[in-house]
């Protein structure tokens, strides 16, 4: 019985790692594209997972991941960006631009208030 439990936990851990890698790669592609569309430079070629939560969506329990990244307007400044991914979909992308926030997607305010 202990062996079966160990195998199940190991498989769950491997799934979690692969799912996180897939989520990160998807979010990187969207962030690169979104920055290019808005004529800003995506910095450090990376994103950082800040939070991960279990959430209920369409009656199913899913993982919602919050990512942060940085961008620049003229290569001398740094501004923050935020991306939220859930189940292979980018729900929300935001560039905290000094002239005003640039938003793609929509997310309920209670989600940002609870987790942001």
C-alpha atoms as a PDB file:
ATOM      1  CA  UNK A   1       0.000   0.000   0.000  1.00  0.00           C
ATOM      2  CA  UNK A   2       2.867   2.382   0.794  1.00  0.00           C
ATOM      3  CA  UNK A   3       4.369   1.777  -2.637  1.00  0.00           C
ATOM      4  CA  UNK A   4       1.098   2.644  -4.398  1.00  0.00           C
ATOM      5  CA  UNK A   5       0.744   5.825  -2.351  1.00  0.00           C
ATOM      6  CA  UNK A   6       4.342   6.782  -3.147  1.00  0.00           C
ATOM      7  CA  UNK A   7       3.781   6.223  -6.884  1.00  0.00           C
ATOM      8  CA  UNK A   8       0.564   8.274  -6.861  1.00  0.00           C
ATOM      9  CA  UNK A   9       2.291  11.143  -5.032  1.00  0.00           C
ATOM     10  CA  UNK A  10       5.254  10.966  -7.403  1.00  0.00           C
ATOM     11  CA  UNK A  11       2.953  11.064 -10.449  1.00  0.00           C
ATOM     12  CA  UNK A  12       1.084  14.034  -8.970  1.00  0.00           C
ATOM     13  CA  UNK A  13       4.364  15.852  -8.402  1.00  0.00           C
ATOM     14  CA  UNK A  14       5.532  15.156 -11.986  1.00  0.00           C
ATOM     15  CA  UNK A  15       2.171  16.360 -13.362  1.00  0.00           C
ATOM     16  CA  UNK A  16       2.373  19.537 -11.249  1.00  0.00           C
ATOM     17  CA  UNK A  17       5.893  20.261 -12.542  1.00  0.00           C
ATOM     18  CA  UNK A  18       4.956  19.667 -16.213  1.00  0.00           C
ATOM     19  CA  UNK A  19       1.767  21.725 -15.865  1.00  0.00           C
ATOM     20  CA  UNK A  20       3.723  24.581 -14.304  1.00  0.00           C
ATOM     21  CA  UNK A  21       6.299  24.478 -17.106  1.00  0.00           C
ATOM     22  CA  UNK A  22       3.580  24.508 -19.758  1.00  0.00           C
ATOM     23  CA  UNK A  23       1.824  27.389 -18.021  1.00  0.00           C
ATOM     24  CA  UNK A  24       5.044  29.398 -17.774  1.00  0.00           C
ATOM     25  CA  UNK A  25       5.893  28.886 -21.457  1.00  0.00           C
ATOM     26  CA  UNK A  26       2.388  29.893 -22.533  1.00  0.00           C
ATOM     27  CA  UNK A  27       2.510  33.018 -20.383  1.00  0.00           C
ATOM     28  CA  UNK A  28       5.953  33.958 -21.713  1.00  0.00           C
ATOM     29  CA  UNK A  29       4.683  33.808 -25.308  1.00  0.00           C
ATOM     30  CA  UNK A  30       1.661  35.984 -24.471  1.00  0.00           C
ATOM     31  CA  UNK A  31       3.744  38.524 -22.531  1.00  0.00           C
ATOM     32  CA  UNK A  32       6.281  38.844 -25.362  1.00  0.00           C
ATOM     33  CA  UNK A  33       3.515  39.345 -27.898  1.00  0.00           C
ATOM     34  CA  UNK A  34       1.570  41.787 -25.716  1.00  0.00           C
ATOM     35  CA  UNK A  35       4.662  43.913 -25.097  1.00  0.00           C
ATOM     36  CA  UNK A  36       5.480  43.969 -28.820  1.00  0.00           C
ATOM     37  CA  UNK A  37       1.891  44.993 -29.688  1.00  0.00           C
ATOM     38  CA  UNK A  38       2.127  47.881 -27.240  1.00  0.00           C
ATOM     39  CA  UNK A  39       5.586  49.005 -28.416  1.00  0.00           C
ATOM     40  CA  UNK A  40       7.398  48.369 -25.149  1.00  0.00           C
ATOM     41  CA  UNK A  41      10.467  46.243 -24.467  1.00  0.00           C
ATOM     42  CA  UNK A  42       9.955  43.092 -22.416  1.00  0.00           C
ATOM     43  CA  UNK A  43      12.853  42.944 -19.943  1.00  0.00           C
ATOM     44  CA  UNK A  44      14.988  40.025 -18.770  1.00  0.00           C
ATOM     45  CA  UNK A  45      13.134  37.605 -21.076  1.00  0.00           C
ATOM     46  CA  UNK A  46      11.479  36.087 -18.030  1.00  0.00           C
ATOM     47  CA  UNK A  47       8.414  36.022 -15.845  1.00  0.00           C
ATOM     48  CA  UNK A  48       8.164  35.150 -12.170  1.00  0.00           C
ATOM     49  CA  UNK A  49       5.363  33.150 -10.633  1.00  0.00           C
ATOM     50  CA  UNK A  50       4.175  35.102  -7.629  1.00  0.00           C
ATOM     51  CA  UNK A  51       1.185  33.084  -6.460  1.00  0.00           C
ATOM     52  CA  UNK A  52      -0.731  29.927  -7.218  1.00  0.00           C
ATOM     53  CA  UNK A  53      -4.226  29.135  -6.005  1.00  0.00           C
ATOM     54  CA  UNK A  54      -6.840  26.452  -6.373  1.00  0.00           C
ATOM     55  CA  UNK A  55      -9.963  27.950  -7.857  1.00  0.00           C
ATOM     56  CA  UNK A  56     -13.365  26.698  -8.943  1.00  0.00           C
ATOM     57  CA  UNK A  57     -14.257  27.454 -12.532  1.00  0.00           C
ATOM     58  CA  UNK A  58     -17.164  25.917 -14.443  1.00  0.00           C
ATOM     59  CA  UNK A  59     -17.708  23.487 -11.585  1.00  0.00           C
ATOM     60  CA  UNK A  60     -14.135  22.143 -11.710  1.00  0.00           C
ATOM     61  CA  UNK A  61     -11.199  22.783  -9.423  1.00  0.00           C
ATOM     62  CA  UNK A  62      -8.314  24.344 -11.349  1.00  0.00           C
ATOM     63  CA  UNK A  63      -4.996  26.041 -10.710  1.00  0.00           C
ATOM     64  CA  UNK A  64      -4.786  29.808 -11.209  1.00  0.00           C
ATOM     65  CA  UNK A  65      -1.267  31.178 -11.516  1.00  0.00           C
ATOM     66  CA  UNK A  66      -0.246  34.828 -11.039  1.00  0.00           C
ATOM     67  CA  UNK A  67       2.916  35.979 -12.839  1.00  0.00           C
ATOM     68  CA  UNK A  68       4.912  39.213 -12.746  1.00  0.00           C
ATOM     69  CA  UNK A  69       7.306  40.614 -15.333  1.00  0.00           C
ATOM     70  CA  UNK A  70       9.002  43.884 -16.189  1.00  0.00           C
ATOM     71  CA  UNK A  71       9.001  46.057 -19.292  1.00  0.00           C
ATOM     72  CA  UNK A  72      10.650  49.263 -20.437  1.00  0.00           C
ATOM     73  CA  UNK A  73       9.548  52.123 -22.656  1.00  0.00           C
ATOM     74  CA  UNK A  74      12.958  53.571 -23.547  1.00  0.00           C
ATOM     75  CA  UNK A  75      15.447  51.022 -22.130  1.00  0.00           C
ATOM     76  CA  UNK A  76      16.316  53.248 -19.167  1.00  0.00           C
ATOM     77  CA  UNK A  77      13.252  52.613 -17.004  1.00  0.00           C
ATOM     78  CA  UNK A  78      11.508  49.571 -15.547  1.00  0.00           C
ATOM     79  CA  UNK A  79       7.777  49.074 -15.068  1.00  0.00           C
ATOM     80  CA  UNK A  80       5.774  46.108 -13.828  1.00  0.00           C
ATOM     81  CA  UNK A  81       3.396  43.854 -15.687  1.00  0.00           C
ATOM     82  CA  UNK A  82       1.010  41.187 -14.447  1.00  0.00           C
ATOM     83  CA  UNK A  83      -0.369  38.042 -16.090  1.00  0.00           C
ATOM     84  CA  UNK A  84      -2.945  35.588 -14.765  1.00  0.00           C
ATOM     85  CA  UNK A  85      -3.214  32.122 -16.302  1.00  0.00           C
ATOM     86  CA  UNK A  86      -5.792  29.453 -15.625  1.00  0.00           C
ATOM     87  CA  UNK A  87      -6.217  26.175 -17.499  1.00  0.00           C
ATOM     88  CA  UNK A  88      -4.194  26.991 -20.652  1.00  0.00           C
ATOM     89  CA  UNK A  89      -5.753  30.443 -20.992  1.00  0.00           C
ATOM     90  CA  UNK A  90      -4.413  33.869 -20.192  1.00  0.00           C
ATOM     91  CA  UNK A  91      -7.266  35.477 -18.285  1.00  0.00           C
ATOM     92  CA  UNK A  92      -5.654  38.843 -17.692  1.00  0.00           C
ATOM     93  CA  UNK A  93      -2.592  40.792 -18.844  1.00  0.00           C
ATOM     94  CA  UNK A  94      -1.706  44.241 -17.581  1.00  0.00           C
ATOM     95  CA  UNK A  95       1.127  46.680 -18.233  1.00  0.00           C
ATOM     96  CA  UNK A  96       1.381  49.236 -15.441  1.00  0.00           C
ATOM     97  CA  UNK A  97       2.387  51.969 -17.889  1.00  0.00           C
ATOM     98  CA  UNK A  98       3.138  55.452 -16.450  1.00  0.00           C
ATOM     99  CA  UNK A  99       0.606  56.998 -18.853  1.00  0.00           C
ATOM    100  CA  UNK A 100      -2.108  54.588 -17.715  1.00  0.00           C
ATOM    101  CA  UNK A 101      -2.608  50.882 -17.283  1.00  0.00           C
ATOM    102  CA  UNK A 102      -2.864  48.818 -20.478  1.00  0.00           C
ATOM    103  CA  UNK A 103      -5.162  45.834 -19.931  1.00  0.00           C
ATOM    104  CA  UNK A 104      -5.963  42.763 -21.989  1.00  0.00           C
ATOM    105  CA  UNK A 105      -8.659  40.415 -20.775  1.00  0.00           C
ATOM    106  CA  UNK A 106     -11.056  40.735 -17.948  1.00  0.00           C
ATOM    107  CA  UNK A 107     -11.114  39.271 -14.503  1.00  0.00           C
ATOM    108  CA  UNK A 108     -13.570  39.721 -11.692  1.00  0.00           C
ATOM    109  CA  UNK A 109     -12.528  42.345  -9.169  1.00  0.00           C
ATOM    110  CA  UNK A 110     -13.033  39.927  -6.280  1.00  0.00           C
ATOM    111  CA  UNK A 111     -10.322  37.676  -7.741  1.00  0.00           C
ATOM    112  CA  UNK A 112      -7.759  40.472  -7.809  1.00  0.00           C
ATOM    113  CA  UNK A 113      -8.853  41.740  -4.409  1.00  0.00           C
ATOM    114  CA  UNK A 114      -8.619  38.345  -2.808  1.00  0.00           C
ATOM    115  CA  UNK A 115      -5.290  37.296  -4.329  1.00  0.00           C
ATOM    116  CA  UNK A 116      -3.631  40.483  -5.602  1.00  0.00           C
END
